[in-house]
Amino acid sequence: MAIDPQAEIHPSAVIEEGAQIAAGVRVGPFCHVGPKVTLAPRVTLTSHVVVQGICSIGEETLVHPFAVLGGIPQDLKFKGEETELRIGRRNRIREHVTMNTGTEGGGGVTRVGDDGLFMAGCHVAHDCQVGNNVIIVNNAALAGHCIIEDEVIIGGLSGVHQFVRIGRGAIIGAVTMVTNDVIPHGLVQAPRGVLDGLNLVGLKRRGVARSDITALRAAFQMLAQGEGAFQDRARRLGDETESDYVRDIVRFVLAGSDRSFLTPGRD
């Protein structure tokens, strides 16, 4: 066990032999930190937090009570192999959040990027790859192997099917089931997720230029109404556009999918 002398550990907390606790870490009452856990500088575990398995938490991440991080996968194929959970910097992880380690078949590592907000009761399953500045709202759940790109918002009580990819800047409305991939900057809503437009509010809040928003609108219409298969329409967009935001959609669509795509108007 290596606990930096500048760390603050409450007397009721349990820190198992082998844990790595950096300077400025605060571990509050009744927390349990396992032997293969690494807490980077200025991580705070407020109280009643469990961190277990092979789990690393990045600088200045704040974890609220009753979160469980690094638990084994909820997957019947898991046979006890050593896998990891890596959480980035400056995340806010609220009450009762659960994040699991990976599985051998999924690459062995569940990753969470930087600057995320994970609201109360949400779940990140095994082998998920979550980007930066992601918001997952209360009681939403990611199934195994999902890829969530940067700046995505997933509404409360929503579920994302295993192996689904959600592209950068997309937004998922509350109480939505997402069973297919979502293009970057897409807007998905309805109980069985429908690609219902673009995340225009998010684009404007991020200061995206009007010309790029206009190009994205035109691209969405072409994807919705153009001739040929969905991938063929995306290829034509790539040949015609000068917008990096539209190219981001083209990249995403042409990268391939294990779940197919939500397409405009599909229900």
C-alpha atoms as a PDB file:
ATOM      1  CA  MET A   1       0.000   0.000   0.000  1.00  0.00           C
ATOM      2  CA  ALA A   2       1.263   3.480  -0.902  1.00  0.00           C
ATOM      3  CA  ILE A   3      -0.647   6.363   0.665  1.00  0.00           C
ATOM      4  CA  ASP A   4       0.834   9.802   0.100  1.00  0.00           C
ATOM      5  CA  PRO A   5       1.234  11.668   3.382  1.00  0.00           C
ATOM      6  CA  GLN A   6      -0.794  14.546   1.935  1.00  0.00           C
ATOM      7  CA  ALA A   7      -3.838  12.327   1.401  1.00  0.00           C
ATOM      8  CA  GLU A   8      -6.722  12.579   3.862  1.00  0.00           C
ATOM      9  CA  ILE A   9      -8.170   9.222   4.906  1.00  0.00           C
ATOM     10  CA  HIS A  10     -11.109   9.035   7.310  1.00  0.00           C
ATOM     11  CA  PRO A  11     -10.494   6.587  10.172  1.00  0.00           C
ATOM     12  CA  SER A  12     -13.555   4.521   9.210  1.00  0.00           C
ATOM     13  CA  ALA A  13     -12.418   4.022   5.586  1.00  0.00           C
ATOM     14  CA  VAL A  14     -10.885   0.687   4.549  1.00  0.00           C
ATOM     15  CA  ILE A  15      -7.851   0.939   2.256  1.00  0.00           C
ATOM     16  CA  GLU A  16      -6.567  -2.488   1.307  1.00  0.00           C
ATOM     17  CA  GLU A  17      -2.880  -3.319   1.030  1.00  0.00           C
ATOM     18  CA  GLY A  18      -1.605  -2.511  -2.470  1.00  0.00           C
ATOM     19  CA  ALA A  19      -3.815   0.515  -3.206  1.00  0.00           C
ATOM     20  CA  GLN A  20      -2.081   3.601  -4.609  1.00  0.00           C
ATOM     21  CA  ILE A  21      -3.332   6.862  -3.078  1.00  0.00           C
ATOM     22  CA  ALA A  22      -1.811  10.100  -4.426  1.00  0.00           C
ATOM     23  CA  ALA A  23      -1.348  13.519  -2.843  1.00  0.00           C
ATOM     24  CA  GLY A  24      -4.471  15.520  -2.167  1.00  0.00           C
ATOM     25  CA  VAL A  25      -6.805  12.522  -2.304  1.00  0.00           C
ATOM     26  CA  ARG A  26      -9.677  12.604   0.179  1.00  0.00           C
ATOM     27  CA  VAL A  27     -11.316   9.348   1.215  1.00  0.00           C
ATOM     28  CA  GLY A  28     -14.366   9.946   3.378  1.00  0.00           C
ATOM     29  CA  PRO A  29     -16.216   7.880   5.955  1.00  0.00           C
ATOM     30  CA  PHE A  30     -16.977   4.213   5.311  1.00  0.00           C
ATOM     31  CA  CYS A  31     -15.357   4.051   1.871  1.00  0.00           C
ATOM     32  CA  HIS A  32     -13.730   0.806   0.700  1.00  0.00           C
ATOM     33  CA  VAL A  33     -10.746   0.961  -1.660  1.00  0.00           C
ATOM     34  CA  GLY A  34      -9.477  -2.338  -3.066  1.00  0.00           C
ATOM     35  CA  PRO A  35      -5.873  -3.536  -3.381  1.00  0.00           C
ATOM     36  CA  LYS A  36      -5.557  -2.858  -7.135  1.00  0.00           C
ATOM     37  CA  VAL A  37      -7.020   0.648  -7.134  1.00  0.00           C
ATOM     38  CA  THR A  38      -5.118   3.788  -8.128  1.00  0.00           C
ATOM     39  CA  LEU A  39      -6.443   7.202  -7.099  1.00  0.00           C
ATOM     40  CA  ALA A  40      -4.722  10.137  -8.843  1.00  0.00           C
ATOM     41  CA  PRO A  41      -4.073  13.501  -7.150  1.00  0.00           C
ATOM     42  CA  ARG A  42      -7.065  15.318  -5.656  1.00  0.00           C
ATOM     43  CA  VAL A  43      -9.607  12.542  -6.215  1.00  0.00           C
ATOM     44  CA  THR A  44     -12.407  12.760  -3.650  1.00  0.00           C
ATOM     45  CA  LEU A  45     -14.480   9.822  -2.440  1.00  0.00           C
ATOM     46  CA  THR A  46     -17.086  11.573  -0.300  1.00  0.00           C
ATOM     47  CA  SER A  47     -18.444   8.678   1.791  1.00  0.00           C
ATOM     48  CA  HIS A  48     -19.695   5.084   1.424  1.00  0.00           C
ATOM     49  CA  VAL A  49     -17.959   4.705  -1.964  1.00  0.00           C
ATOM     50  CA  VAL A  50     -16.684   1.292  -3.106  1.00  0.00           C
ATOM     51  CA  VAL A  51     -13.788   1.182  -5.580  1.00  0.00           C
ATOM     52  CA  GLN A  52     -12.616  -2.316  -6.410  1.00  0.00           C
ATOM     53  CA  GLY A  53     -10.988  -4.476  -9.062  1.00  0.00           C
ATOM     54  CA  ILE A  54      -8.240  -3.060 -11.263  1.00  0.00           C
ATOM     55  CA  CYS A  55      -9.494   0.507 -11.330  1.00  0.00           C
ATOM     56  CA  SER A  56      -7.782   3.851 -11.850  1.00  0.00           C
ATOM     57  CA  ILE A  57      -9.469   7.212 -11.273  1.00  0.00           C
ATOM     58  CA  GLY A  58      -8.017  10.392 -12.774  1.00  0.00           C
ATOM     59  CA  GLU A  59      -7.170  13.702 -11.163  1.00  0.00           C
ATOM     60  CA  GLU A  60      -9.837  15.804  -9.444  1.00  0.00           C
ATOM     61  CA  THR A  61     -12.650  13.329 -10.009  1.00  0.00           C
ATOM     62  CA  LEU A  62     -15.390  13.626  -7.391  1.00  0.00           C
ATOM     63  CA  VAL A  63     -17.343  10.512  -6.404  1.00  0.00           C
ATOM     64  CA  HIS A  64     -20.535  10.794  -4.351  1.00  0.00           C
ATOM     65  CA  PRO A  65     -21.944   8.321  -1.816  1.00  0.00           C
ATOM     66  CA  PHE A  66     -22.847   4.731  -2.665  1.00  0.00           C
ATOM     67  CA  ALA A  67     -21.184   4.677  -6.078  1.00  0.00           C
ATOM     68  CA  VAL A  68     -19.576   1.306  -6.917  1.00  0.00           C
ATOM     69  CA  LEU A  69     -16.696   1.506  -9.382  1.00  0.00           C
ATOM     70  CA  GLY A  70     -14.701  -1.406 -10.766  1.00  0.00           C
ATOM     71  CA  GLY A  71     -17.166  -4.160 -10.007  1.00  0.00           C
ATOM     72  CA  ILE A  72     -17.024  -7.313 -12.128  1.00  0.00           C
ATOM     73  CA  PRO A  73     -19.015  -7.389 -15.390  1.00  0.00           C
ATOM     74  CA  GLN A  74     -22.669  -8.364 -15.329  1.00  0.00           C
ATOM     75  CA  ASP A  75     -21.978 -10.849 -18.099  1.00  0.00           C
ATOM     76  CA  LEU A  76     -22.363 -14.622 -17.896  1.00  0.00           C
ATOM     77  CA  LYS A  77     -19.330 -15.029 -20.191  1.00  0.00           C
ATOM     78  CA  PHE A  78     -17.079 -13.442 -17.566  1.00  0.00           C
ATOM     79  CA  LYS A  79     -14.942 -16.125 -15.932  1.00  0.00           C
ATOM     80  CA  GLY A  80     -12.929 -14.099 -13.459  1.00  0.00           C
ATOM     81  CA  GLU A  81     -10.185 -12.875 -15.790  1.00  0.00           C
ATOM     82  CA  GLU A  82      -8.323  -9.734 -14.728  1.00  0.00           C
ATOM     83  CA  THR A  83      -9.783  -6.751 -16.526  1.00  0.00           C
ATOM     84  CA  GLU A  84      -9.824  -2.993 -15.890  1.00  0.00           C
ATOM     85  CA  LEU A  85     -11.836   0.170 -15.448  1.00  0.00           C
ATOM     86  CA  ARG A  86     -10.048   3.415 -16.334  1.00  0.00           C
ATOM     87  CA  ILE A  87     -11.766   6.663 -15.377  1.00  0.00           C
ATOM     88  CA  GLY A  88     -10.347   9.978 -16.584  1.00  0.00           C
ATOM     89  CA  ARG A  89      -9.937  13.373 -14.975  1.00  0.00           C
ATOM     90  CA  ARG A  90     -12.399  15.832 -13.458  1.00  0.00           C
ATOM     91  CA  ASN A  91     -15.421  13.571 -13.675  1.00  0.00           C
ATOM     92  CA  ARG A  92     -18.421  14.037 -11.403  1.00  0.00           C
ATOM     93  CA  ILE A  93     -19.865  10.688 -10.425  1.00  0.00           C
ATOM     94  CA  ARG A  94     -23.072  10.987  -8.454  1.00  0.00           C
ATOM     95  CA  GLU A  95     -24.898   8.753  -5.992  1.00  0.00           C
ATOM     96  CA  HIS A  96     -25.413   5.043  -6.748  1.00  0.00           C
ATOM     97  CA  VAL A  97     -23.561   5.132 -10.084  1.00  0.00           C
ATOM     98  CA  THR A  98     -22.092   1.777 -11.148  1.00  0.00           C
ATOM     99  CA  MET A  99     -19.240   1.229 -13.614  1.00  0.00           C
ATOM    100  CA  ASN A 100     -17.894  -2.253 -14.386  1.00  0.00           C
ATOM    101  CA  THR A 101     -14.547  -3.539 -15.586  1.00  0.00           C
ATOM    102  CA  GLY A 102     -14.155  -5.063 -19.053  1.00  0.00           C
ATOM    103  CA  THR A 103     -14.212  -8.623 -20.317  1.00  0.00           C
ATOM    104  CA  GLU A 104     -11.580 -10.613 -22.172  1.00  0.00           C
ATOM    105  CA  GLY A 105     -13.796 -10.816 -25.249  1.00  0.00           C
ATOM    106  CA  GLY A 106     -14.356  -7.055 -25.283  1.00  0.00           C
ATOM    107  CA  GLY A 107     -10.727  -5.989 -25.019  1.00  0.00           C
ATOM    108  CA  GLY A 108     -10.463  -6.109 -21.247  1.00  0.00           C
ATOM    109  CA  VAL A 109     -10.848  -2.409 -20.498  1.00  0.00           C
ATOM    110  CA  THR A 110     -13.827  -0.173 -19.793  1.00  0.00           C
ATOM    111  CA  ARG A 111     -12.803   3.455 -20.402  1.00  0.00           C
ATOM    112  CA  VAL A 112     -14.371   6.713 -19.274  1.00  0.00           C
ATOM    113  CA  GLY A 113     -12.907   9.988 -20.548  1.00  0.00           C
ATOM    114  CA  ASP A 114     -12.493  13.379 -18.901  1.00  0.00           C
ATOM    115  CA  ASP A 115     -14.948  15.996 -17.623  1.00  0.00           C
ATOM    116  CA  GLY A 116     -18.026  13.775 -17.605  1.00  0.00           C
ATOM    117  CA  LEU A 117     -21.140  14.071 -15.466  1.00  0.00           C
ATOM    118  CA  PHE A 118     -22.681  10.759 -14.443  1.00  0.00           C
ATOM    119  CA  MET A 119     -25.902  11.483 -12.591  1.00  0.00           C
ATOM    120  CA  ALA A 120     -27.472   9.415  -9.828  1.00  0.00           C
ATOM    121  CA  GLY A 121     -28.175   5.785 -10.559  1.00  0.00           C
ATOM    122  CA  CYS A 122     -26.703   5.572 -14.057  1.00  0.00           C
ATOM    123  CA  HIS A 123     -24.737   2.532 -15.225  1.00  0.00           C
ATOM    124  CA  VAL A 124     -21.696   2.027 -17.477  1.00  0.00           C
ATOM    125  CA  ALA A 125     -21.355  -1.643 -18.369  1.00  0.00           C
ATOM    126  CA  HIS A 126     -18.351  -3.769 -19.294  1.00  0.00           C
ATOM    127  CA  ASP A 127     -16.122  -2.781 -22.222  1.00  0.00           C
ATOM    128  CA  CYS A 128     -17.853   0.560 -22.835  1.00  0.00           C
ATOM    129  CA  GLN A 129     -15.708   3.317 -24.307  1.00  0.00           C
ATOM    130  CA  VAL A 130     -17.003   6.701 -23.122  1.00  0.00           C
ATOM    131  CA  GLY A 131     -15.505   9.935 -24.447  1.00  0.00           C
ATOM    132  CA  ASN A 132     -14.951  13.378 -22.941  1.00  0.00           C
ATOM    133  CA  ASN A 133     -17.613  15.833 -21.740  1.00  0.00           C
ATOM    134  CA  VAL A 134     -20.311  13.158 -21.734  1.00  0.00           C
ATOM    135  CA  ILE A 135     -23.452  13.577 -19.614  1.00  0.00           C
ATOM    136  CA  ILE A 136     -25.463  10.523 -18.598  1.00  0.00           C
ATOM    137  CA  VAL A 137     -28.611  11.557 -16.764  1.00  0.00           C
ATOM    138  CA  ASN A 138     -30.280   9.829 -13.814  1.00  0.00           C
ATOM    139  CA  ASN A 139     -30.949   6.088 -14.146  1.00  0.00           C
ATOM    140  CA  ALA A 140     -29.801   5.835 -17.754  1.00  0.00           C
ATOM    141  CA  ALA A 141     -27.832   2.699 -18.633  1.00  0.00           C
ATOM    142  CA  LEU A 142     -25.196   1.720 -21.185  1.00  0.00           C
ATOM    143  CA  ALA A 143     -25.078  -1.984 -22.024  1.00  0.00           C
ATOM    144  CA  GLY A 144     -21.808  -3.746 -22.781  1.00  0.00           C
ATOM    145  CA  HIS A 145     -19.418  -2.716 -25.556  1.00  0.00           C
ATOM    146  CA  CYS A 146     -21.092   0.646 -26.290  1.00  0.00           C
ATOM    147  CA  ILE A 147     -19.020   3.475 -27.769  1.00  0.00           C
ATOM    148  CA  ILE A 148     -20.080   6.958 -26.673  1.00  0.00           C
ATOM    149  CA  GLU A 149     -18.137   9.721 -28.390  1.00  0.00           C
ATOM    150  CA  ASP A 150     -17.353  13.179 -26.970  1.00  0.00           C
ATOM    151  CA  GLU A 151     -20.037  15.672 -25.901  1.00  0.00           C
ATOM    152  CA  VAL A 152     -22.939  13.198 -25.965  1.00  0.00           C
ATOM    153  CA  ILE A 153     -25.938  13.674 -23.652  1.00  0.00           C
ATOM    154  CA  ILE A 154     -28.062  10.647 -22.721  1.00  0.00           C
ATOM    155  CA  GLY A 155     -31.395  11.513 -21.112  1.00  0.00           C
ATOM    156  CA  GLY A 156     -32.780  10.082 -17.912  1.00  0.00           C
ATOM    157  CA  LEU A 157     -34.218   6.562 -17.792  1.00  0.00           C
ATOM    158  CA  SER A 158     -32.825   5.797 -21.253  1.00  0.00           C
ATOM    159  CA  GLY A 159     -31.156   2.559 -22.289  1.00  0.00           C
ATOM    160  CA  VAL A 160     -28.467   1.984 -24.907  1.00  0.00           C
ATOM    161  CA  HIS A 161     -28.285  -1.511 -26.432  1.00  0.00           C
ATOM    162  CA  GLN A 162     -24.998  -3.433 -26.389  1.00  0.00           C
ATOM    163  CA  PHE A 163     -22.522  -2.637 -29.192  1.00  0.00           C
ATOM    164  CA  VAL A 164     -24.322   0.593 -30.112  1.00  0.00           C
ATOM    165  CA  ARG A 165     -22.202   3.622 -31.071  1.00  0.00           C
ATOM    166  CA  ILE A 166     -23.376   7.170 -30.394  1.00  0.00           C
ATOM    167  CA  GLY A 167     -21.550   9.826 -32.387  1.00  0.00           C
ATOM    168  CA  ARG A 168     -20.035  13.032 -31.116  1.00  0.00           C
ATOM    169  CA  GLY A 169     -22.427  15.725 -29.952  1.00  0.00           C
ATOM    170  CA  ALA A 170     -25.582  13.608 -30.227  1.00  0.00           C
ATOM    171  CA  ILE A 171     -28.403  13.906 -27.720  1.00  0.00           C
ATOM    172  CA  ILE A 172     -30.746  11.141 -26.576  1.00  0.00           C
ATOM    173  CA  GLY A 173     -34.073  12.218 -25.110  1.00  0.00           C
ATOM    174  CA  ALA A 174     -35.403  10.895 -21.820  1.00  0.00           C
ATOM    175  CA  VAL A 175     -37.046   7.460 -21.590  1.00  0.00           C
ATOM    176  CA  THR A 176     -35.615   6.328 -24.926  1.00  0.00           C
ATOM    177  CA  MET A 177     -34.365   2.900 -25.970  1.00  0.00           C
ATOM    178  CA  VAL A 178     -31.484   3.177 -28.443  1.00  0.00           C
ATOM    179  CA  THR A 179     -30.996  -0.031 -30.418  1.00  0.00           C
ATOM    180  CA  ASN A 180     -28.941   1.220 -33.400  1.00  0.00           C
ATOM    181  CA  ASP A 181     -26.039   3.598 -33.976  1.00  0.00           C
ATOM    182  CA  VAL A 182     -26.677   7.346 -33.786  1.00  0.00           C
ATOM    183  CA  ILE A 183     -24.880   9.708 -36.174  1.00  0.00           C
ATOM    184  CA  PRO A 184     -22.823  12.586 -34.741  1.00  0.00           C
ATOM    185  CA  HIS A 185     -24.929  15.602 -33.731  1.00  0.00           C
ATOM    186  CA  GLY A 186     -28.129  13.578 -34.071  1.00  0.00           C
ATOM    187  CA  LEU A 187     -31.277  14.053 -31.981  1.00  0.00           C
ATOM    188  CA  VAL A 188     -32.962  10.819 -30.900  1.00  0.00           C
ATOM    189  CA  GLN A 189     -36.239  10.575 -29.018  1.00  0.00           C
ATOM    190  CA  ALA A 190     -39.413   8.469 -28.597  1.00  0.00           C
ATOM    191  CA  PRO A 191     -39.690   5.210 -26.621  1.00  0.00           C
ATOM    192  CA  ARG A 192     -38.102   3.190 -29.442  1.00  0.00           C
ATOM    193  CA  GLY A 193     -35.481   5.680 -30.464  1.00  0.00           C
ATOM    194  CA  VAL A 194     -36.123   7.620 -33.665  1.00  0.00           C
ATOM    195  CA  LEU A 195     -33.535   9.846 -35.343  1.00  0.00           C
ATOM    196  CA  ASP A 196     -35.677  12.960 -35.315  1.00  0.00           C
ATOM    197  CA  GLY A 197     -33.264  15.670 -36.440  1.00  0.00           C
ATOM    198  CA  LEU A 198     -30.069  17.368 -35.317  1.00  0.00           C
ATOM    199  CA  ASN A 199     -28.947  18.525 -31.895  1.00  0.00           C
ATOM    200  CA  LEU A 200     -29.235  22.165 -32.975  1.00  0.00           C
ATOM    201  CA  VAL A 201     -29.361  23.504 -29.419  1.00  0.00           C
ATOM    202  CA  GLY A 202     -26.107  21.735 -28.578  1.00  0.00           C
ATOM    203  CA  LEU A 203     -24.433  22.965 -31.761  1.00  0.00           C
ATOM    204  CA  LYS A 204     -25.398  26.564 -31.036  1.00  0.00           C
ATOM    205  CA  ARG A 205     -24.295  26.323 -27.405  1.00  0.00           C
ATOM    206  CA  ARG A 206     -20.879  25.119 -28.548  1.00  0.00           C
ATOM    207  CA  GLY A 207     -20.579  28.111 -30.865  1.00  0.00           C
ATOM    208  CA  VAL A 208     -20.605  26.147 -34.119  1.00  0.00           C
ATOM    209  CA  ALA A 209     -20.566  28.495 -37.115  1.00  0.00           C
ATOM    210  CA  ARG A 210     -23.826  29.137 -38.922  1.00  0.00           C
ATOM    211  CA  SER A 211     -22.283  27.851 -42.157  1.00  0.00           C
ATOM    212  CA  ASP A 212     -21.540  24.491 -40.528  1.00  0.00           C
ATOM    213  CA  ILE A 213     -25.052  24.250 -39.089  1.00  0.00           C
ATOM    214  CA  THR A 214     -26.486  24.998 -42.551  1.00  0.00           C
ATOM    215  CA  ALA A 215     -24.242  22.291 -44.043  1.00  0.00           C
ATOM    216  CA  LEU A 216     -25.372  19.825 -41.368  1.00  0.00           C
ATOM    217  CA  ARG A 217     -29.035  20.573 -42.119  1.00  0.00           C
ATOM    218  CA  ALA A 218     -28.451  19.917 -45.812  1.00  0.00           C
ATOM    219  CA  ALA A 219     -26.523  16.738 -45.029  1.00  0.00           C
ATOM    220  CA  PHE A 220     -29.349  15.469 -42.829  1.00  0.00           C
ATOM    221  CA  GLN A 221     -31.855  16.035 -45.631  1.00  0.00           C
ATOM    222  CA  MET A 222     -29.645  14.165 -48.073  1.00  0.00           C
ATOM    223  CA  LEU A 223     -29.299  11.248 -45.669  1.00  0.00           C
ATOM    224  CA  ALA A 224     -33.072  11.248 -45.213  1.00  0.00           C
ATOM    225  CA  GLN A 225     -34.191  11.616 -48.820  1.00  0.00           C
ATOM    226  CA  GLY A 226     -31.258  10.932 -51.120  1.00  0.00           C
ATOM    227  CA  GLU A 227     -31.023   8.013 -53.507  1.00  0.00           C
ATOM    228  CA  GLY A 228     -29.275   4.746 -52.744  1.00  0.00           C
ATOM    229  CA  ALA A 229     -28.372   3.004 -49.515  1.00  0.00           C
ATOM    230  CA  PHE A 230     -27.568   4.960 -46.370  1.00  0.00           C
ATOM    231  CA  GLN A 231     -23.808   4.383 -46.716  1.00  0.00           C
ATOM    232  CA  ASP A 232     -23.934   5.419 -50.392  1.00  0.00           C
ATOM    233  CA  ARG A 233     -25.557   8.722 -49.446  1.00  0.00           C
ATOM    234  CA  ALA A 234     -22.863   9.255 -46.822  1.00  0.00           C
ATOM    235  CA  ARG A 235     -20.102   8.632 -49.385  1.00  0.00           C
ATOM    236  CA  ARG A 236     -21.599  11.244 -51.690  1.00  0.00           C
ATOM    237  CA  LEU A 237     -21.702  13.689 -48.805  1.00  0.00           C
ATOM    238  CA  GLY A 238     -18.006  13.091 -48.203  1.00  0.00           C
ATOM    239  CA  ASP A 239     -17.224  13.918 -51.815  1.00  0.00           C
ATOM    240  CA  GLU A 240     -19.294  17.100 -51.831  1.00  0.00           C
ATOM    241  CA  THR A 241     -18.895  18.752 -48.421  1.00  0.00           C
ATOM    242  CA  GLU A 242     -16.329  21.211 -47.118  1.00  0.00           C
ATOM    243  CA  SER A 243     -17.643  21.103 -43.541  1.00  0.00           C
ATOM    244  CA  ASP A 244     -15.631  19.213 -40.948  1.00  0.00           C
ATOM    245  CA  TYR A 245     -18.865  18.559 -39.047  1.00  0.00           C
ATOM    246  CA  VAL A 246     -20.405  16.822 -42.045  1.00  0.00           C
ATOM    247  CA  ARG A 247     -17.176  14.904 -42.593  1.00  0.00           C
ATOM    248  CA  ASP A 248     -17.519  13.723 -38.992  1.00  0.00           C
ATOM    249  CA  ILE A 249     -20.873  12.144 -39.885  1.00  0.00           C
ATOM    250  CA  VAL A 250     -19.367  10.566 -43.022  1.00  0.00           C
ATOM    251  CA  ARG A 251     -16.477   9.124 -41.005  1.00  0.00           C
ATOM    252  CA  PHE A 252     -18.877   7.669 -38.473  1.00  0.00           C
ATOM    253  CA  VAL A 253     -21.186   6.044 -41.025  1.00  0.00           C
ATOM    254  CA  LEU A 254     -18.407   4.577 -43.151  1.00  0.00           C
ATOM    255  CA  ALA A 255     -16.587   3.139 -40.143  1.00  0.00           C
ATOM    256  CA  GLY A 256     -19.000   0.207 -40.062  1.00  0.00           C
ATOM    257  CA  SER A 257     -21.492  -0.898 -37.456  1.00  0.00           C
ATOM    258  CA  ASP A 258     -22.424  -3.953 -35.423  1.00  0.00           C
ATOM    259  CA  ARG A 259     -25.949  -2.615 -34.971  1.00  0.00           C
ATOM    260  CA  SER A 260     -26.805  -0.778 -38.223  1.00  0.00           C
ATOM    261  CA  PHE A 261     -27.942   2.857 -37.972  1.00  0.00           C
ATOM    262  CA  LEU A 262     -30.877   4.873 -36.863  1.00  0.00           C
ATOM    263  CA  THR A 263     -31.809   6.643 -40.084  1.00  0.00           C
ATOM    264  CA  PRO A 264     -33.982   9.768 -40.423  1.00  0.00           C
ATOM    265  CA  GLY A 265     -37.611   8.905 -39.834  1.00  0.00           C
ATOM    266  CA  ARG A 266     -36.966   5.277 -38.892  1.00  0.00           C
ATOM    267  CA  ASP A 267     -39.093   3.958 -36.049  1.00  0.00           C
END
